[in-house]
Amino acid sequence: MADDNSVYYYYKQLIALRKSNEVMIYGQFETYLDQHEQIYAYTRTLGEESWLVLLNISEQPATCNIADCGAEKLGDIVIGNNADRTNKETIIEMLPYEAIVYRVLKRGL
């Protein structure tokens, strides 16, 4: 448990994130890519705040387009388990079992 990059510490970060952000508790939930066999995608929206959660639930790489997930432009990465990920992609190439949470920017931002 001394490794700050362990699954244990990642889950601690996820729990703290949920506790400190009302969008993840009270936000309206909407799924996307319902027919995708590898990626589970959803948004949580509360007021002006919207987050996109992308989870590759397979052992193979997977690809998705953010436009298919109700987003035109992504903001900062809130949390993820791939340190090399940037927030500049429109086509997301996800690693096996990768998880990413993005802030979604509204039109005109």
C-alpha atoms as a PDB file:
ATOM      1  CA  MET A   1       0.000   0.000   0.000  1.00  0.00           C
ATOM      2  CA  ALA A   2       2.989   2.271  -0.196  1.00  0.00           C
ATOM      3  CA  ASP A   3       2.521   2.785  -3.962  1.00  0.00           C
ATOM      4  CA  ASP A   4       0.598   6.022  -4.694  1.00  0.00           C
ATOM      5  CA  ASN A   5      -0.184   4.624  -8.173  1.00  0.00           C
ATOM      6  CA  SER A   6      -1.860   1.477  -6.866  1.00  0.00           C
ATOM      7  CA  VAL A   7      -5.476   0.519  -7.498  1.00  0.00           C
ATOM      8  CA  TYR A   8      -6.126   1.104  -3.788  1.00  0.00           C
ATOM      9  CA  TYR A   9      -5.083   4.773  -3.978  1.00  0.00           C
ATOM     10  CA  TYR A  10      -6.929   5.253  -7.260  1.00  0.00           C
ATOM     11  CA  TYR A  11     -10.156   4.075  -5.628  1.00  0.00           C
ATOM     12  CA  LYS A  12      -9.516   6.376  -2.673  1.00  0.00           C
ATOM     13  CA  GLN A  13      -9.245   9.254  -5.150  1.00  0.00           C
ATOM     14  CA  LEU A  14     -12.502   8.185  -6.836  1.00  0.00           C
ATOM     15  CA  ILE A  15     -14.352   8.100  -3.516  1.00  0.00           C
ATOM     16  CA  ALA A  16     -13.010  11.517  -2.515  1.00  0.00           C
ATOM     17  CA  LEU A  17     -13.956  12.904  -5.944  1.00  0.00           C
ATOM     18  CA  ARG A  18     -17.520  11.663  -5.596  1.00  0.00           C
ATOM     19  CA  LYS A  19     -17.863  13.064  -2.076  1.00  0.00           C
ATOM     20  CA  SER A  20     -16.597  16.501  -3.092  1.00  0.00           C
ATOM     21  CA  ASN A  21     -18.530  16.984  -6.364  1.00  0.00           C
ATOM     22  CA  GLU A  22     -22.308  17.158  -6.307  1.00  0.00           C
ATOM     23  CA  VAL A  23     -22.505  16.500 -10.055  1.00  0.00           C
ATOM     24  CA  MET A  24     -21.492  12.888  -9.395  1.00  0.00           C
ATOM     25  CA  ILE A  25     -24.098  12.450  -6.674  1.00  0.00           C
ATOM     26  CA  TYR A  26     -27.101  14.460  -7.856  1.00  0.00           C
ATOM     27  CA  GLY A  27     -26.376  15.003 -11.546  1.00  0.00           C
ATOM     28  CA  GLN A  28     -28.751  13.772 -14.219  1.00  0.00           C
ATOM     29  CA  PHE A  29     -27.456  10.481 -15.644  1.00  0.00           C
ATOM     30  CA  GLU A  30     -27.501   9.811 -19.399  1.00  0.00           C
ATOM     31  CA  THR A  31     -25.875   6.864 -21.174  1.00  0.00           C
ATOM     32  CA  TYR A  32     -24.250   6.871 -24.607  1.00  0.00           C
ATOM     33  CA  LEU A  33     -22.807   4.238 -26.937  1.00  0.00           C
ATOM     34  CA  ASP A  34     -25.363   1.732 -25.653  1.00  0.00           C
ATOM     35  CA  GLN A  35     -24.536  -0.712 -28.454  1.00  0.00           C
ATOM     36  CA  HIS A  36     -20.752  -0.461 -28.029  1.00  0.00           C
ATOM     37  CA  GLU A  37     -19.403  -3.780 -26.786  1.00  0.00           C
ATOM     38  CA  GLN A  38     -16.274  -2.349 -25.155  1.00  0.00           C
ATOM     39  CA  ILE A  39     -17.024   1.157 -23.918  1.00  0.00           C
ATOM     40  CA  TYR A  40     -19.484   2.162 -21.220  1.00  0.00           C
ATOM     41  CA  ALA A  41     -20.104   5.913 -21.531  1.00  0.00           C
ATOM     42  CA  TYR A  42     -22.318   8.304 -19.609  1.00  0.00           C
ATOM     43  CA  THR A  43     -22.641  11.905 -18.558  1.00  0.00           C
ATOM     44  CA  ARG A  44     -23.634  13.375 -15.231  1.00  0.00           C
ATOM     45  CA  THR A  45     -25.047  16.899 -15.464  1.00  0.00           C
ATOM     46  CA  LEU A  46     -26.035  19.259 -12.684  1.00  0.00           C
ATOM     47  CA  GLY A  47     -26.775  22.881 -13.592  1.00  0.00           C
ATOM     48  CA  GLU A  48     -23.946  24.117 -15.803  1.00  0.00           C
ATOM     49  CA  GLU A  49     -21.559  21.325 -14.767  1.00  0.00           C
ATOM     50  CA  SER A  50     -21.354  18.247 -16.973  1.00  0.00           C
ATOM     51  CA  TRP A  51     -18.901  15.340 -16.780  1.00  0.00           C
ATOM     52  CA  LEU A  52     -18.337  12.599 -19.333  1.00  0.00           C
ATOM     53  CA  VAL A  53     -17.282   9.206 -17.984  1.00  0.00           C
ATOM     54  CA  LEU A  54     -15.670   6.750 -20.413  1.00  0.00           C
ATOM     55  CA  LEU A  55     -14.823   3.210 -19.333  1.00  0.00           C
ATOM     56  CA  ASN A  56     -13.206   0.622 -21.568  1.00  0.00           C
ATOM     57  CA  ILE A  57     -14.532  -2.538 -19.943  1.00  0.00           C
ATOM     58  CA  SER A  58     -12.565  -4.920 -22.168  1.00  0.00           C
ATOM     59  CA  GLU A  59      -9.070  -6.298 -22.388  1.00  0.00           C
ATOM     60  CA  GLN A  60      -8.706  -4.866 -25.913  1.00  0.00           C
ATOM     61  CA  PRO A  61      -8.092  -1.257 -27.035  1.00  0.00           C
ATOM     62  CA  ALA A  62     -11.281   0.589 -28.008  1.00  0.00           C
ATOM     63  CA  THR A  63     -12.174   3.766 -29.907  1.00  0.00           C
ATOM     64  CA  CYS A  64     -14.988   6.276 -29.551  1.00  0.00           C
ATOM     65  CA  ASN A  65     -15.869   9.712 -30.880  1.00  0.00           C
ATOM     66  CA  ILE A  66     -16.808  12.312 -28.263  1.00  0.00           C
ATOM     67  CA  ALA A  67     -19.558  13.596 -30.573  1.00  0.00           C
ATOM     68  CA  ASP A  68     -21.265  10.218 -30.090  1.00  0.00           C
ATOM     69  CA  CYS A  69     -21.169  10.870 -26.344  1.00  0.00           C
ATOM     70  CA  GLY A  70     -23.113  14.130 -26.365  1.00  0.00           C
ATOM     71  CA  ALA A  71     -19.999  16.329 -26.197  1.00  0.00           C
ATOM     72  CA  GLU A  72     -18.681  18.845 -28.683  1.00  0.00           C
ATOM     73  CA  LYS A  73     -15.577  19.805 -26.760  1.00  0.00           C
ATOM     74  CA  LEU A  74     -13.876  18.335 -23.734  1.00  0.00           C
ATOM     75  CA  GLY A  75     -12.489  20.316 -20.849  1.00  0.00           C
ATOM     76  CA  ASP A  76      -9.975  19.124 -18.298  1.00  0.00           C
ATOM     77  CA  ILE A  77      -9.518  15.528 -17.309  1.00  0.00           C
ATOM     78  CA  VAL A  78     -10.983  15.192 -13.826  1.00  0.00           C
ATOM     79  CA  ILE A  79      -9.433  11.777 -13.192  1.00  0.00           C
ATOM     80  CA  GLY A  80      -8.132   8.862 -15.220  1.00  0.00           C
ATOM     81  CA  ASN A  81      -5.898   5.848 -14.964  1.00  0.00           C
ATOM     82  CA  ASN A  82      -3.688   6.659 -17.991  1.00  0.00           C
ATOM     83  CA  ALA A  83      -1.082   9.293 -17.157  1.00  0.00           C
ATOM     84  CA  ASP A  84      -0.326   9.870 -20.867  1.00  0.00           C
ATOM     85  CA  ARG A  85      -3.908  10.896 -21.721  1.00  0.00           C
ATOM     86  CA  THR A  86      -4.533  14.459 -22.917  1.00  0.00           C
ATOM     87  CA  ASN A  87      -7.811  16.326 -23.260  1.00  0.00           C
ATOM     88  CA  LYS A  88      -7.305  17.373 -26.866  1.00  0.00           C
ATOM     89  CA  GLU A  89      -8.744  14.326 -28.627  1.00  0.00           C
ATOM     90  CA  THR A  90     -12.069  14.128 -30.423  1.00  0.00           C
ATOM     91  CA  ILE A  91     -11.512  10.481 -31.290  1.00  0.00           C
ATOM     92  CA  ILE A  92     -10.555   8.692 -28.088  1.00  0.00           C
ATOM     93  CA  GLU A  93      -8.275   5.651 -28.398  1.00  0.00           C
ATOM     94  CA  MET A  94      -8.703   3.911 -25.064  1.00  0.00           C
ATOM     95  CA  LEU A  95      -6.357   1.371 -23.557  1.00  0.00           C
ATOM     96  CA  PRO A  96      -7.708  -1.897 -22.139  1.00  0.00           C
ATOM     97  CA  TYR A  97      -9.574  -1.198 -18.868  1.00  0.00           C
ATOM     98  CA  GLU A  98      -8.896   2.520 -19.142  1.00  0.00           C
ATOM     99  CA  ALA A  99     -11.182   4.913 -17.256  1.00  0.00           C
ATOM    100  CA  ILE A 100     -11.428   8.658 -17.948  1.00  0.00           C
ATOM    101  CA  VAL A 101     -13.626  11.412 -16.542  1.00  0.00           C
ATOM    102  CA  TYR A 102     -13.728  14.677 -18.518  1.00  0.00           C
ATOM    103  CA  ARG A 103     -15.392  17.990 -17.865  1.00  0.00           C
ATOM    104  CA  VAL A 104     -17.616  18.774 -20.844  1.00  0.00           C
ATOM    105  CA  LEU A 105     -17.476  22.330 -22.134  1.00  0.00           C
ATOM    106  CA  LYS A 106     -20.719  23.980 -23.167  1.00  0.00           C
ATOM    107  CA  ARG A 107     -21.142  25.559 -26.605  1.00  0.00           C
ATOM    108  CA  GLY A 108     -19.333  28.820 -27.043  1.00  0.00           C
ATOM    109  CA  LEU A 109     -16.697  28.121 -24.392  1.00  0.00           C
END
